[in-house]
Protein backbone atom coordinates (compact mmCIF):
# COMPACT_ATOMS: atom_id res chain seq x y z
CA UNK A 1 0.00 0.00 0.00
CA UNK A 2 1.22 3.48 -0.87
CA UNK A 3 1.66 5.41 2.37
CA UNK A 4 1.95 8.94 0.98
CA UNK A 5 0.25 10.64 -1.96
CA UNK A 6 1.51 14.09 -2.94
CA UNK A 7 -1.11 16.20 -4.73
CA UNK A 8 0.28 19.02 -6.86
CA UNK A 9 -2.03 21.92 -7.80
CA UNK A 10 -1.79 23.87 -11.02
CA UNK A 11 -1.59 27.55 -11.89
CA UNK A 12 -2.91 29.76 -9.05
CA UNK A 13 -4.48 26.71 -7.42
CA UNK A 14 -4.13 25.09 -4.00
CA UNK A 15 -5.72 22.46 -1.78
CA UNK A 16 -9.20 23.62 -2.82
CA UNK A 17 -8.75 21.76 -6.11
CA UNK A 18 -8.15 18.49 -4.28
CA UNK A 19 -10.87 18.78 -1.58
CA UNK A 20 -12.86 15.74 -2.69
CA UNK A 21 -9.84 13.51 -3.23
CA UNK A 22 -8.28 14.60 0.05
CA UNK A 23 -11.40 13.69 2.04
CA UNK A 24 -12.17 10.46 0.19
CA UNK A 25 -8.64 9.05 0.29
CA UNK A 26 -7.61 10.16 3.79
CA UNK A 27 -8.31 6.73 5.27
CA UNK A 28 -5.94 4.92 2.94
CA UNK A 29 -3.03 7.31 2.25
CA UNK A 30 -1.21 10.14 3.92
CA UNK A 31 -2.05 13.19 1.80
CA UNK A 32 0.48 15.95 1.22
CA UNK A 33 -0.47 18.97 -0.90
CA UNK A 34 2.27 20.99 -2.55
CA UNK A 35 2.42 24.78 -2.28
CA UNK A 36 4.36 26.69 -4.92
CA UNK A 37 4.36 30.19 -3.45
CA UNK A 38 6.63 32.56 -5.34
CA UNK A 39 8.78 29.84 -6.91
CA UNK A 40 9.30 30.71 -10.57
CA UNK A 41 10.53 27.46 -12.13
CA UNK A 42 9.08 23.99 -12.38
CA UNK A 43 12.40 22.64 -11.19
CA UNK A 44 12.28 24.66 -7.99
CA UNK A 45 8.69 23.55 -7.38
CA UNK A 46 9.70 19.93 -7.91
CA UNK A 47 12.68 20.23 -5.60
CA UNK A 48 10.52 21.63 -2.79
CA UNK A 49 8.27 18.57 -3.10
CA UNK A 50 11.25 16.21 -3.11
CA UNK A 51 12.70 17.86 -0.02
CA UNK A 52 9.42 17.54 1.90
CA UNK A 53 8.30 14.09 0.75
CA UNK A 54 9.12 10.76 2.41
CA UNK A 55 11.54 8.25 0.91
CA UNK A 56 8.79 6.70 -1.25
CA UNK A 57 5.58 8.33 -2.45
CA UNK A 58 2.97 8.50 -5.18
CA UNK A 59 2.36 11.83 -6.88
CA UNK A 60 -0.54 13.33 -8.81
CA UNK A 61 -0.42 16.67 -10.60
CA UNK A 62 -3.13 18.75 -12.24
CA UNK A 63 -2.38 21.11 -15.15
CA UNK A 64 0.90 22.92 -14.30
CA UNK A 65 1.11 20.52 -11.36
CA UNK A 66 1.37 17.62 -13.80
CA UNK A 67 4.44 19.21 -15.34
CA UNK A 68 5.89 19.65 -11.85
CA UNK A 69 5.16 15.98 -11.10
CA UNK A 70 7.02 14.96 -14.25
CA UNK A 71 9.99 17.02 -13.10
CA UNK A 72 9.88 15.19 -9.74
CA UNK A 73 10.01 11.87 -11.59
CA UNK A 74 12.89 13.10 -13.72
CA UNK A 75 14.89 13.93 -10.59
CA UNK A 76 14.02 11.02 -8.26
CA UNK A 77 12.51 8.20 -10.34
CA UNK A 78 13.36 5.55 -7.75
CA UNK A 79 11.36 7.33 -5.06
CA UNK A 80 8.11 7.65 -7.02
CA UNK A 81 5.83 4.62 -6.70
CA UNK A 82 3.08 5.91 -8.99
CA UNK A 83 2.28 8.96 -11.11
CA UNK A 84 -1.03 10.58 -12.12
CA UNK A 85 -1.17 13.32 -14.72
CA UNK A 86 -4.40 15.31 -15.04
CA UNK A 87 -5.27 17.85 -17.74
CA UNK A 88 -1.64 18.55 -18.48
CA UNK A 89 1.10 18.34 -21.09
CA UNK A 90 4.76 17.54 -21.57
CA UNK A 91 5.92 19.76 -24.45
CA UNK A 92 8.04 22.90 -24.05
CA UNK A 93 6.92 26.33 -25.19
CA UNK A 94 6.34 26.14 -28.93
CA UNK A 95 8.83 28.00 -31.11
CA UNK A 96 7.93 31.02 -33.18
CA UNK A 97 4.47 32.54 -33.45
CA UNK A 98 2.67 29.87 -31.42
CA UNK A 99 4.94 30.36 -28.42
CA UNK A 100 4.73 34.13 -28.71
CA UNK A 101 0.95 33.87 -28.78
CA UNK A 102 0.89 31.77 -25.60
CA UNK A 103 3.25 34.17 -23.80
CA UNK A 104 1.23 37.18 -24.94
CA UNK A 105 -2.00 35.62 -23.72
CA UNK A 106 -0.54 34.78 -20.32
CA UNK A 107 0.92 38.26 -19.83
CA UNK A 108 -2.37 39.86 -20.90
CA UNK A 109 -4.04 38.00 -18.04
CA UNK A 110 -1.27 39.12 -15.69
CA UNK A 111 -1.91 42.71 -16.76
CA UNK A 112 -5.62 42.22 -16.08
CA UNK A 113 -4.82 40.87 -12.61
CA UNK A 114 -2.86 44.03 -11.79
CA UNK A 115 -5.42 46.44 -13.27
CA UNK A 116 -8.70 44.75 -12.34
CA UNK A 117 -7.79 42.41 -9.49
CA UNK A 118 -7.28 38.68 -9.20
CA UNK A 119 -10.97 37.76 -9.03
CA UNK A 120 -11.80 39.67 -12.22
CA UNK A 121 -8.85 38.07 -13.99
CA UNK A 122 -9.93 34.61 -12.75
CA UNK A 123 -13.38 35.08 -14.29
CA UNK A 124 -11.78 35.91 -17.65
CA UNK A 125 -9.48 32.88 -17.36
CA UNK A 126 -12.34 30.60 -16.37
CA UNK A 127 -14.26 31.09 -19.63
CA UNK A 128 -12.21 28.44 -21.44
CA UNK A 129 -11.31 26.31 -18.43
CA UNK A 130 -14.58 24.68 -17.34
CA UNK A 131 -17.26 23.01 -19.42
CA UNK A 132 -19.30 25.85 -20.90
CA UNK A 133 -22.62 24.91 -19.31
CA UNK A 134 -20.98 24.94 -15.86
CA UNK A 135 -20.08 28.64 -16.01
CA UNK A 136 -23.45 29.37 -14.40
CA UNK A 137 -22.90 26.73 -11.69
CA UNK A 138 -22.01 28.84 -8.67
CA UNK A 139 -21.17 25.78 -6.55
CA UNK A 140 -18.31 25.09 -8.97
CA UNK A 141 -17.34 28.59 -10.07
CA UNK A 142 -17.32 30.50 -6.79
CA UNK A 143 -14.74 28.27 -5.03
CA UNK A 144 -12.46 28.62 -8.07
CA UNK A 145 -12.80 32.41 -8.06
CA UNK A 146 -12.29 32.55 -4.28
CA UNK A 147 -9.18 30.36 -4.53
CA UNK A 148 -7.57 32.55 -7.17
CA UNK A 149 -8.63 35.77 -5.45
CA UNK A 150 -6.47 34.74 -2.49
CA UNK A 151 -3.38 34.72 -4.71
CA UNK A 152 -1.43 37.81 -5.81
CA UNK A 153 -0.25 39.14 -9.17
CA UNK A 154 3.33 38.48 -8.02
CA UNK A 155 2.51 34.78 -7.52
CA UNK A 156 0.82 34.77 -10.91
CA UNK A 157 3.86 36.32 -12.57
CA UNK A 158 6.23 33.80 -10.97
CA UNK A 159 4.12 30.88 -12.16
CA UNK A 160 3.85 32.33 -15.66
CA UNK A 161 7.65 32.47 -15.81
CA UNK A 162 7.78 28.84 -14.68
CA UNK A 163 5.39 27.74 -17.41
CA UNK A 164 7.03 29.71 -20.20
CA UNK A 165 10.44 28.21 -19.32
CA UNK A 166 9.06 24.67 -18.93
CA UNK A 167 11.39 21.84 -19.97
CA UNK A 168 10.64 19.31 -22.68
CA UNK A 169 9.41 16.23 -20.79
CA UNK A 170 8.67 14.13 -23.89
CA UNK A 171 11.98 12.22 -23.76
CA UNK A 172 11.24 11.30 -20.13
CA UNK A 173 7.97 9.47 -20.84
CA UNK A 174 9.42 6.16 -22.17
CA UNK A 175 11.72 6.01 -19.14
CA UNK A 176 8.90 6.04 -16.57
CA UNK A 177 8.56 2.61 -14.99
CA UNK A 178 5.88 3.15 -12.31
CA UNK A 179 2.10 2.85 -12.90
CA UNK A 180 0.81 6.02 -14.55
CA UNK A 181 -2.75 7.33 -14.69
CA UNK A 182 -3.54 9.87 -17.42
CA UNK A 183 -6.84 11.66 -16.97
CA UNK A 184 -8.55 14.61 -18.62
CA UNK A 185 -11.93 16.10 -19.35
CA UNK A 186 -13.44 15.29 -22.71
CA UNK A 187 -14.04 19.02 -23.30
CA UNK A 188 -10.65 20.23 -22.09
CA UNK A 189 -9.59 22.60 -24.87
CA UNK A 190 -6.35 23.63 -23.15
CA UNK A 191 -4.99 20.09 -22.63
CA UNK A 192 -7.11 17.94 -24.96
CA UNK A 193 -7.73 14.21 -24.93
CA UNK A 194 -5.49 13.63 -27.96
CA UNK A 195 -2.55 15.11 -26.07
CA UNK A 196 -3.07 12.68 -23.20
CA UNK A 197 -3.45 9.73 -25.56
CA UNK A 198 -0.08 10.59 -27.09
CA UNK A 199 1.50 10.66 -23.63
CA UNK A 200 -0.14 7.35 -22.72
CA UNK A 201 1.23 5.74 -25.88
CA UNK A 202 4.76 6.69 -24.81
CA UNK A 203 4.47 5.32 -21.25
CA UNK A 204 4.65 1.56 -20.77
CA UNK A 205 2.48 1.16 -17.66
CA UNK A 206 -0.18 3.74 -18.39
CA UNK A 207 -3.97 3.84 -17.98
CA UNK A 208 -6.16 6.45 -19.64
CA UNK A 209 -9.40 7.85 -18.19
CA UNK A 210 -11.56 10.48 -19.89
CA UNK A 211 -14.10 12.34 -17.72
CA UNK A 212 -17.30 13.00 -19.65
CA UNK A 213 -18.86 16.47 -19.88
CA UNK A 214 -15.79 18.00 -18.27
CA UNK A 215 -13.35 20.80 -19.01
CA UNK A 216 -9.88 21.56 -17.71
CA UNK A 217 -10.69 21.64 -13.98
CA UNK A 218 -11.53 17.95 -13.74
CA UNK A 219 -10.83 17.40 -10.00
CA UNK A 220 -13.48 20.03 -9.22
CA UNK A 221 -15.82 19.54 -12.18
CA UNK A 222 -16.09 15.76 -11.87
CA UNK A 223 -14.62 14.98 -8.44
CA UNK A 224 -16.26 11.56 -8.04
CA UNK A 225 -14.85 10.31 -11.35
CA UNK A 226 -11.35 11.51 -10.46
CA UNK A 227 -11.50 10.02 -6.96
CA UNK A 228 -12.66 6.61 -8.25
CA UNK A 229 -9.89 6.65 -10.85
CA UNK A 230 -7.40 7.44 -8.09
CA UNK A 231 -8.65 4.52 -6.01
CA UNK A 232 -8.15 2.08 -8.90
CA UNK A 233 -4.74 3.57 -9.64
CA UNK A 234 -3.64 3.25 -6.01
CA UNK A 235 -4.95 -0.34 -5.93
CA UNK A 236 -2.64 -1.09 -8.86
CA UNK A 237 0.29 0.28 -6.86
CA UNK A 238 -0.66 -1.80 -3.80
CA UNK A 239 -0.83 -4.97 -5.89
CA UNK A 240 2.60 -4.38 -7.41
CA UNK A 241 4.37 -3.75 -4.11
């Protein structure tokens, strides 16, 4: 049985994202939730996790947190018993116009956070991050807005720098030996299903789960699906130990 599961939030996110999984899995694993603070590189975020984690642990990352989790595996592969990657990617910033467009979009949001406030920026950001019909679901949307409103533009800027300087994790995928869960929403336009299928094809011990009627924020949009997938994934780890 895996004794510790490290949950890694994404951009401007924290333990709120993992509330359902934290409560549902507390009786079977020791949950640790990473906090990125003002760290401005994925490597620094990964190293903080490594320094605080026990000798052996499973790790699950959502969005930017998935990229951080991959960096943890790159650095200490023998310590990671299992890996879950949710609504994420493994490619570096695209060259040329595509990369410039991504950077411009991220810095436009940063500018909005400084001019209009974090909550206003979060509402703009949210338009393409949850399944469209859920934008009127206050039980989903308000906790996301509240979570991001508690962050600062300086934290946002640091995490933007981390994402724009992200390493290429594609060569790492075939080297991963632990059980890997890949999961995403079927309507995630930022990290689409096809992207996760390509990652799964490169990882030997991978399982793919697609959450129906779900956007990018899958742990909050479809928490029961994600928690059940985690239980099956952790069972696989227990059986292999």
